Amino acid sequence: MRNFKVTLDLSDCFKKVSKYELREFDSPFLTIFIQANDPDEVCYELIERLVKKILKKDSSIDARILCKEVKKLVRFDRIESL
């Protein structure tokens, strides 16, 4: 597995995500370090991590709709292999 540095942009959905007070995703523009096999896996893992944290806090219908929106609105600005 390789290490990656990811610059993530949550600005389009940050207002809705911030109400869940997620520690790892506490800013609209983030830099995250993650281990994965390839850049596609990095994208998948980060989106899944965000969705699981939202659903762990609240599993209502509104939270599930937000998760669908998040999957479409999250942008990966840069993925660098370290």
PDB file of N, CA and C in Angstrom:
ATOM      1  N   MET A   1       0.837  -1.186   0.000  1.00  0.00           N
ATOM      2  CA  MET A   1       0.000   0.000   0.000  1.00  0.00           C
ATOM      3  C   MET A   1       0.881   1.249   0.000  1.00  0.00           C
ATOM      4  N   ARG A   2       0.430   2.245  -0.722  1.00  0.00           N
ATOM      5  CA  ARG A   2       1.162   3.500  -0.810  1.00  0.00           C
ATOM      6  C   ARG A   2       0.476   4.564   0.044  1.00  0.00           C
ATOM      7  N   ASN A   3       1.219   5.585   0.396  1.00  0.00           N
ATOM      8  CA  ASN A   3       0.673   6.713   1.137  1.00  0.00           C
ATOM      9  C   ASN A   3       0.282   7.807   0.154  1.00  0.00           C
ATOM     10  N   PHE A   4      -0.850   8.453   0.426  1.00  0.00           N
ATOM     11  CA  PHE A   4      -1.338   9.532  -0.418  1.00  0.00           C
ATOM     12  C   PHE A   4      -1.672  10.744   0.434  1.00  0.00           C
ATOM     13  N   LYS A   5      -1.459  11.897  -0.151  1.00  0.00           N
ATOM     14  CA  LYS A   5      -1.875  13.164   0.443  1.00  0.00           C
ATOM     15  C   LYS A   5      -3.008  13.688  -0.431  1.00  0.00           C
ATOM     16  N   VAL A   6      -4.168  13.889   0.178  1.00  0.00           N
ATOM     17  CA  VAL A   6      -5.365  14.248  -0.576  1.00  0.00           C
ATOM     18  C   VAL A   6      -5.852  15.625  -0.133  1.00  0.00           C
ATOM     19  N   THR A   7      -6.111  16.485  -1.096  1.00  0.00           N
ATOM     20  CA  THR A   7      -6.734  17.772  -0.817  1.00  0.00           C
ATOM     21  C   THR A   7      -8.197  17.651  -1.214  1.00  0.00           C
ATOM     22  N   LEU A   8      -9.061  17.822  -0.218  1.00  0.00           N
ATOM     23  CA  LEU A   8     -10.487  17.555  -0.372  1.00  0.00           C
ATOM     24  C   LEU A   8     -11.272  18.853  -0.265  1.00  0.00           C
ATOM     25  N   ASP A   9     -12.279  19.024  -1.100  1.00  0.00           N
ATOM     26  CA  ASP A   9     -13.118  20.223  -1.100  1.00  0.00           C
ATOM     27  C   ASP A   9     -14.554  19.821  -0.771  1.00  0.00           C
ATOM     28  N   LEU A  10     -15.005  20.216   0.419  1.00  0.00           N
ATOM     29  CA  LEU A  10     -16.377  19.935   0.854  1.00  0.00           C
ATOM     30  C   LEU A  10     -17.240  21.194   0.859  1.00  0.00           C
ATOM     31  N   SER A  11     -16.783  22.257   0.233  1.00  0.00           N
ATOM     32  CA  SER A  11     -17.447  23.554   0.358  1.00  0.00           C
ATOM     33  C   SER A  11     -18.904  23.540  -0.113  1.00  0.00           C
ATOM     34  N   ASP A  12     -19.233  22.726  -1.103  1.00  0.00           N
ATOM     35  CA  ASP A  12     -20.607  22.697  -1.610  1.00  0.00           C
ATOM     36  C   ASP A  12     -21.597  22.071  -0.634  1.00  0.00           C
ATOM     37  N   CYS A  13     -21.121  21.191   0.222  1.00  0.00           N
ATOM     38  CA  CYS A  13     -22.026  20.513   1.151  1.00  0.00           C
ATOM     39  C   CYS A  13     -21.610  20.697   2.613  1.00  0.00           C
ATOM     40  N   PHE A  14     -20.666  21.592   2.871  1.00  0.00           N
ATOM     41  CA  PHE A  14     -20.119  21.717   4.218  1.00  0.00           C
ATOM     42  C   PHE A  14     -21.147  22.203   5.230  1.00  0.00           C
ATOM     43  N   LYS A  15     -22.030  23.095   4.845  1.00  0.00           N
ATOM     44  CA  LYS A  15     -23.025  23.628   5.775  1.00  0.00           C
ATOM     45  C   LYS A  15     -23.902  22.504   6.335  1.00  0.00           C
ATOM     46  N   LYS A  16     -24.281  21.575   5.499  1.00  0.00           N
ATOM     47  CA  LYS A  16     -25.114  20.452   5.946  1.00  0.00           C
ATOM     48  C   LYS A  16     -24.297  19.426   6.733  1.00  0.00           C
ATOM     49  N   VAL A  17     -23.061  19.188   6.308  1.00  0.00           N
ATOM     50  CA  VAL A  17     -22.211  18.198   6.977  1.00  0.00           C
ATOM     51  C   VAL A  17     -21.753  18.699   8.347  1.00  0.00           C
ATOM     52  N   SER A  18     -21.552  20.001   8.465  1.00  0.00           N
ATOM     53  CA  SER A  18     -21.024  20.549   9.717  1.00  0.00           C
ATOM     54  C   SER A  18     -21.978  20.391  10.888  1.00  0.00           C
ATOM     55  N   LYS A  19     -23.257  20.243  10.641  1.00  0.00           N
ATOM     56  CA  LYS A  19     -24.199  20.079  11.754  1.00  0.00           C
ATOM     57  C   LYS A  19     -24.020  18.732  12.467  1.00  0.00           C
ATOM     58  N   TYR A  20     -23.334  17.788  11.836  1.00  0.00           N
ATOM     59  CA  TYR A  20     -23.071  16.491  12.458  1.00  0.00           C
ATOM     60  C   TYR A  20     -21.799  16.503  13.313  1.00  0.00           C
ATOM     61  N   GLU A  21     -21.057  17.606  13.282  1.00  0.00           N
ATOM     62  CA  GLU A  21     -19.858  17.796  14.104  1.00  0.00           C
ATOM     63  C   GLU A  21     -18.884  16.616  13.996  1.00  0.00           C
ATOM     64  N   LEU A  22     -18.490  16.323  12.784  1.00  0.00           N
ATOM     65  CA  LEU A  22     -17.540  15.245  12.526  1.00  0.00           C
ATOM     66  C   LEU A  22     -16.125  15.765  12.743  1.00  0.00           C
ATOM     67  N   ARG A  23     -15.370  15.105  13.573  1.00  0.00           N
ATOM     68  CA  ARG A  23     -14.038  15.584  13.934  1.00  0.00           C
ATOM     69  C   ARG A  23     -13.081  15.608  12.745  1.00  0.00           C
ATOM     70  N   GLU A  24     -13.098  14.573  11.953  1.00  0.00           N
ATOM     71  CA  GLU A  24     -12.154  14.472  10.837  1.00  0.00           C
ATOM     72  C   GLU A  24     -12.505  15.421   9.688  1.00  0.00           C
ATOM     73  N   PHE A  25     -13.777  15.731   9.525  1.00  0.00           N
ATOM     74  CA  PHE A  25     -14.235  16.566   8.419  1.00  0.00           C
ATOM     75  C   PHE A  25     -14.808  17.872   8.978  1.00  0.00           C
ATOM     76  N   ASP A  26     -13.954  18.664   9.619  1.00  0.00           N
ATOM     77  CA  ASP A  26     -14.399  19.857  10.327  1.00  0.00           C
ATOM     78  C   ASP A  26     -14.123  21.162   9.584  1.00  0.00           C
ATOM     79  N   SER A  27     -13.741  21.074   8.331  1.00  0.00           N
ATOM     80  CA  SER A  27     -13.409  22.250   7.542  1.00  0.00           C
ATOM     81  C   SER A  27     -13.861  22.013   6.093  1.00  0.00           C
ATOM     82  N   PRO A  28     -14.202  23.086   5.376  1.00  0.00           N
ATOM     83  CA  PRO A  28     -14.616  22.884   3.983  1.00  0.00           C
ATOM     84  C   PRO A  28     -13.472  22.479   3.054  1.00  0.00           C
ATOM     85  N   PHE A  29     -12.234  22.816   3.435  1.00  0.00           N
ATOM     86  CA  PHE A  29     -11.070  22.442   2.628  1.00  0.00           C
ATOM     87  C   PHE A  29     -10.120  21.663   3.528  1.00  0.00           C
ATOM     88  N   LEU A  30      -9.877  20.411   3.194  1.00  0.00           N
ATOM     89  CA  LEU A  30      -9.106  19.518   4.058  1.00  0.00           C
ATOM     90  C   LEU A  30      -7.897  18.947   3.342  1.00  0.00           C
ATOM     91  N   THR A  31      -6.899  18.613   4.141  1.00  0.00           N
ATOM     92  CA  THR A  31      -5.767  17.829   3.659  1.00  0.00           C
ATOM     93  C   THR A  31      -5.724  16.569   4.516  1.00  0.00           C
ATOM     94  N   ILE A  32      -5.829  15.422   3.874  1.00  0.00           N
ATOM     95  CA  ILE A  32      -5.904  14.145   4.584  1.00  0.00           C
ATOM     96  C   ILE A  32      -4.828  13.215   4.039  1.00  0.00           C
ATOM     97  N   PHE A  33      -4.216  12.476   4.947  1.00  0.00           N
ATOM     98  CA  PHE A  33      -3.232  11.461   4.567  1.00  0.00           C
ATOM     99  C   PHE A  33      -3.889  10.097   4.721  1.00  0.00           C
ATOM    100  N   ILE A  34      -3.725   9.252   3.708  1.00  0.00           N
ATOM    101  CA  ILE A  34      -4.394   7.947   3.714  1.00  0.00           C
ATOM    102  C   ILE A  34      -3.517   6.932   2.980  1.00  0.00           C
ATOM    103  N   GLN A  35      -3.673   5.669   3.357  1.00  0.00           N
ATOM    104  CA  GLN A  35      -2.974   4.580   2.674  1.00  0.00           C
ATOM    105  C   GLN A  35      -3.955   3.845   1.768  1.00  0.00           C
ATOM    106  N   ALA A  36      -3.514   3.587   0.545  1.00  0.00           N
ATOM    107  CA  ALA A  36      -4.353   2.863  -0.410  1.00  0.00           C
ATOM    108  C   ALA A  36      -3.471   2.299  -1.513  1.00  0.00           C
ATOM    109  N   ASN A  37      -4.060   1.460  -2.334  1.00  0.00           N
ATOM    110  CA  ASN A  37      -3.321   0.851  -3.444  1.00  0.00           C
ATOM    111  C   ASN A  37      -3.217   1.776  -4.647  1.00  0.00           C
ATOM    112  N   ASP A  38      -4.272   2.542  -4.910  1.00  0.00           N
ATOM    113  CA  ASP A  38      -4.268   3.449  -6.062  1.00  0.00           C
ATOM    114  C   ASP A  38      -5.180   4.643  -5.778  1.00  0.00           C
ATOM    115  N   PRO A  39      -5.127   5.677  -6.601  1.00  0.00           N
ATOM    116  CA  PRO A  39      -5.947   6.881  -6.366  1.00  0.00           C
ATOM    117  C   PRO A  39      -7.456   6.625  -6.371  1.00  0.00           C
ATOM    118  N   ASP A  40      -7.909   5.671  -7.163  1.00  0.00           N
ATOM    119  CA  ASP A  40      -9.335   5.356  -7.166  1.00  0.00           C
ATOM    120  C   ASP A  40      -9.785   4.833  -5.801  1.00  0.00           C
ATOM    121  N   GLU A  41      -8.955   4.016  -5.195  1.00  0.00           N
ATOM    122  CA  GLU A  41      -9.263   3.486  -3.879  1.00  0.00           C
ATOM    123  C   GLU A  41      -9.260   4.595  -2.827  1.00  0.00           C
ATOM    124  N   VAL A  42      -8.399   5.579  -2.994  1.00  0.00           N
ATOM    125  CA  VAL A  42      -8.356   6.730  -2.087  1.00  0.00           C
ATOM    126  C   VAL A  42      -9.700   7.447  -2.105  1.00  0.00           C
ATOM    127  N   CYS A  43     -10.209   7.729  -3.287  1.00  0.00           N
ATOM    128  CA  CYS A  43     -11.497   8.418  -3.423  1.00  0.00           C
ATOM    129  C   CYS A  43     -12.620   7.605  -2.779  1.00  0.00           C
ATOM    130  N   TYR A  44     -12.657   6.336  -3.086  1.00  0.00           N
ATOM    131  CA  TYR A  44     -13.683   5.464  -2.532  1.00  0.00           C
ATOM    132  C   TYR A  44     -13.620   5.428  -1.003  1.00  0.00           C
ATOM    133  N   GLU A  45     -12.429   5.250  -0.454  1.00  0.00           N
ATOM    134  CA  GLU A  45     -12.265   5.138   0.997  1.00  0.00           C
ATOM    135  C   GLU A  45     -12.684   6.411   1.721  1.00  0.00           C
ATOM    136  N   LEU A  46     -12.313   7.565   1.191  1.00  0.00           N
ATOM    137  CA  LEU A  46     -12.658   8.816   1.859  1.00  0.00           C
ATOM    138  C   LEU A  46     -14.157   9.101   1.816  1.00  0.00           C
ATOM    139  N   ILE A  47     -14.782   8.826   0.694  1.00  0.00           N
ATOM    140  CA  ILE A  47     -16.232   9.028   0.612  1.00  0.00           C
ATOM    141  C   ILE A  47     -16.947   8.064   1.554  1.00  0.00           C
ATOM    142  N   GLU A  48     -16.521   6.812   1.568  1.00  0.00           N
ATOM    143  CA  GLU A  48     -17.139   5.834   2.461  1.00  0.00           C
ATOM    144  C   GLU A  48     -16.932   6.206   3.929  1.00  0.00           C
ATOM    145  N   ARG A  49     -15.752   6.711   4.266  1.00  0.00           N
ATOM    146  CA  ARG A  49     -15.469   7.121   5.643  1.00  0.00           C
ATOM    147  C   ARG A  49     -16.401   8.253   6.063  1.00  0.00           C
ATOM    148  N   LEU A  50     -16.602   9.234   5.176  1.00  0.00           N
ATOM    149  CA  LEU A  50     -17.487  10.354   5.475  1.00  0.00           C
ATOM    150  C   LEU A  50     -18.931   9.896   5.625  1.00  0.00           C
ATOM    151  N   VAL A  51     -19.389   9.062   4.731  1.00  0.00           N
ATOM    152  CA  VAL A  51     -20.767   8.568   4.783  1.00  0.00           C
ATOM    153  C   VAL A  51     -21.007   7.743   6.050  1.00  0.00           C
ATOM    154  N   LYS A  52     -20.072   6.874   6.403  1.00  0.00           N
ATOM    155  CA  LYS A  52     -20.232   6.050   7.606  1.00  0.00           C
ATOM    156  C   LYS A  52     -20.273   6.898   8.863  1.00  0.00           C
ATOM    157  N   LYS A  53     -19.471   7.956   8.920  1.00  0.00           N
ATOM    158  CA  LYS A  53     -19.470   8.825  10.100  1.00  0.00           C
ATOM    159  C   LYS A  53     -20.786   9.581  10.222  1.00  0.00           C
ATOM    160  N   ILE A  54     -21.344  10.023   9.093  1.00  0.00           N
ATOM    161  CA  ILE A  54     -22.641  10.704   9.130  1.00  0.00           C
ATOM    162  C   ILE A  54     -23.719   9.742   9.608  1.00  0.00           C
ATOM    163  N   LEU A  55     -23.740   8.534   9.057  1.00  0.00           N
ATOM    164  CA  LEU A  55     -24.771   7.571   9.421  1.00  0.00           C
ATOM    165  C   LEU A  55     -24.604   7.049  10.840  1.00  0.00           C
ATOM    166  N   LYS A  56     -23.392   7.072  11.364  1.00  0.00           N
ATOM    167  CA  LYS A  56     -23.168   6.657  12.743  1.00  0.00           C
ATOM    168  C   LYS A  56     -23.766   7.675  13.714  1.00  0.00           C
ATOM    169  N   LYS A  57     -23.698   8.960  13.354  1.00  0.00           N
ATOM    170  CA  LYS A  57     -24.275  10.018  14.192  1.00  0.00           C
ATOM    171  C   LYS A  57     -25.800  10.041  14.098  1.00  0.00           C
ATOM    172  N   ASP A  58     -26.321   9.810  12.876  1.00  0.00           N
ATOM    173  CA  ASP A  58     -27.760   9.914  12.644  1.00  0.00           C
ATOM    174  C   ASP A  58     -28.122   9.036  11.457  1.00  0.00           C
ATOM    175  N   SER A  59     -29.010   8.109  11.674  1.00  0.00           N
ATOM    176  CA  SER A  59     -29.381   7.201  10.585  1.00  0.00           C
ATOM    177  C   SER A  59     -30.780   7.495  10.040  1.00  0.00           C
ATOM    178  N   SER A  60     -31.216   8.738  10.148  1.00  0.00           N
ATOM    179  CA  SER A  60     -32.541   9.112   9.659  1.00  0.00           C
ATOM    180  C   SER A  60     -32.553   9.193   8.127  1.00  0.00           C
ATOM    181  N   ILE A  61     -33.742   9.378   7.589  1.00  0.00           N
ATOM    182  CA  ILE A  61     -33.907   9.505   6.143  1.00  0.00           C
ATOM    183  C   ILE A  61     -33.177  10.745   5.629  1.00  0.00           C
ATOM    184  N   ASP A  62     -33.241  11.848   6.393  1.00  0.00           N
ATOM    185  CA  ASP A  62     -32.565  13.078   5.978  1.00  0.00           C
ATOM    186  C   ASP A  62     -31.057  12.872   5.882  1.00  0.00           C
ATOM    187  N   ALA A  63     -30.494  12.125   6.817  1.00  0.00           N
ATOM    188  CA  ALA A  63     -29.055  11.842   6.792  1.00  0.00           C
ATOM    189  C   ALA A  63     -28.707  10.975   5.587  1.00  0.00           C
ATOM    190  N   ARG A  64     -29.554  10.048   5.261  1.00  0.00           N
ATOM    191  CA  ARG A  64     -29.303   9.186   4.097  1.00  0.00           C
ATOM    192  C   ARG A  64     -29.383   9.978   2.787  1.00  0.00           C
ATOM    193  N   ILE A  65     -30.295  10.928   2.721  1.00  0.00           N
ATOM    194  CA  ILE A  65     -30.381  11.797   1.542  1.00  0.00           C
ATOM    195  C   ILE A  65     -29.134  12.669   1.447  1.00  0.00           C
ATOM    196  N   LEU A  66     -28.675  13.171   2.592  1.00  0.00           N
ATOM    197  CA  LEU A  66     -27.450  13.963   2.610  1.00  0.00           C
ATOM    198  C   LEU A  66     -26.263  13.145   2.114  1.00  0.00           C
ATOM    199  N   CYS A  67     -26.198  11.888   2.486  1.00  0.00           N
ATOM    200  CA  CYS A  67     -25.099  11.022   2.035  1.00  0.00           C
ATOM    201  C   CYS A  67     -25.098  10.889   0.520  1.00  0.00           C
ATOM    202  N   LYS A  68     -26.258  10.782  -0.076  1.00  0.00           N
ATOM    203  CA  LYS A  68     -26.339  10.721  -1.543  1.00  0.00           C
ATOM    204  C   LYS A  68     -25.829  12.024  -2.160  1.00  0.00           C
ATOM    205  N   GLU A  69     -26.197  13.160  -1.543  1.00  0.00           N
ATOM    206  CA  GLU A  69     -25.735  14.456  -2.038  1.00  0.00           C
ATOM    207  C   GLU A  69     -24.222  14.585  -1.888  1.00  0.00           C
ATOM    208  N   VAL A  70     -23.704  14.143  -0.753  1.00  0.00           N
ATOM    209  CA  VAL A  70     -22.268  14.246  -0.474  1.00  0.00           C
ATOM    210  C   VAL A  70     -21.471  13.478  -1.518  1.00  0.00           C
ATOM    211  N   LYS A  71     -21.942  12.314  -1.890  1.00  0.00           N
ATOM    212  CA  LYS A  71     -21.237  11.506  -2.890  1.00  0.00           C
ATOM    213  C   LYS A  71     -21.093  12.246  -4.215  1.00  0.00           C
ATOM    214  N   LYS A  72     -22.062  13.116  -4.528  1.00  0.00           N
ATOM    215  CA  LYS A  72     -22.012  13.855  -5.785  1.00  0.00           C
ATOM    216  C   LYS A  72     -21.249  15.173  -5.666  1.00  0.00           C
ATOM    217  N   LEU A  73     -21.238  15.778  -4.462  1.00  0.00           N
ATOM    218  CA  LEU A  73     -20.695  17.121  -4.315  1.00  0.00           C
ATOM    219  C   LEU A  73     -19.257  17.193  -3.818  1.00  0.00           C
ATOM    220  N   VAL A  74     -18.726  16.103  -3.287  1.00  0.00           N
ATOM    221  CA  VAL A  74     -17.344  16.114  -2.802  1.00  0.00           C
ATOM    222  C   VAL A  74     -16.395  16.183  -3.988  1.00  0.00           C
ATOM    223  N   ARG A  75     -15.380  17.060  -3.865  1.00  0.00           N
ATOM    224  CA  ARG A  75     -14.387  17.182  -4.930  1.00  0.00           C
ATOM    225  C   ARG A  75     -13.011  16.876  -4.382  1.00  0.00           C
ATOM    226  N   PHE A  76     -12.238  16.161  -5.155  1.00  0.00           N
ATOM    227  CA  PHE A  76     -10.854  15.860  -4.819  1.00  0.00           C
ATOM    228  C   PHE A  76      -9.988  16.808  -5.647  1.00  0.00           C
ATOM    229  N   ASP A  77      -9.423  17.814  -4.986  1.00  0.00           N
ATOM    230  CA  ASP A  77      -8.621  18.801  -5.708  1.00  0.00           C
ATOM    231  C   ASP A  77      -7.300  18.228  -6.164  1.00  0.00           C
ATOM    232  N   ARG A  78      -6.644  17.484  -5.281  1.00  0.00           N
ATOM    233  CA  ARG A  78      -5.327  16.934  -5.619  1.00  0.00           C
ATOM    234  C   ARG A  78      -5.103  15.629  -4.849  1.00  0.00           C
ATOM    235  N   ILE A  79      -4.587  14.639  -5.528  1.00  0.00           N
ATOM    236  CA  ILE A  79      -4.196  13.385  -4.911  1.00  0.00           C
ATOM    237  C   ILE A  79      -2.735  13.163  -5.254  1.00  0.00           C
ATOM    238  N   GLU A  80      -1.889  13.234  -4.237  1.00  0.00           N
ATOM    239  CA  GLU A  80      -0.435  13.080  -4.437  1.00  0.00           C
ATOM    240  C   GLU A  80       0.052  11.798  -3.797  1.00  0.00           C
ATOM    241  N   SER A  81       0.856  11.068  -4.512  1.00  0.00           N
ATOM    242  CA  SER A  81       1.499   9.884  -3.956  1.00  0.00           C
ATOM    243  C   SER A  81       2.764  10.326  -3.230  1.00  0.00           C
ATOM    244  N   LEU A  82       2.945   9.832  -2.006  1.00  0.00           N
ATOM    245  CA  LEU A  82       4.119  10.220  -1.222  1.00  0.00           C
ATOM    246  C   LEU A  82       5.191   9.164  -1.284  1.00  0.00           C
TER     247      LEU A  82
END
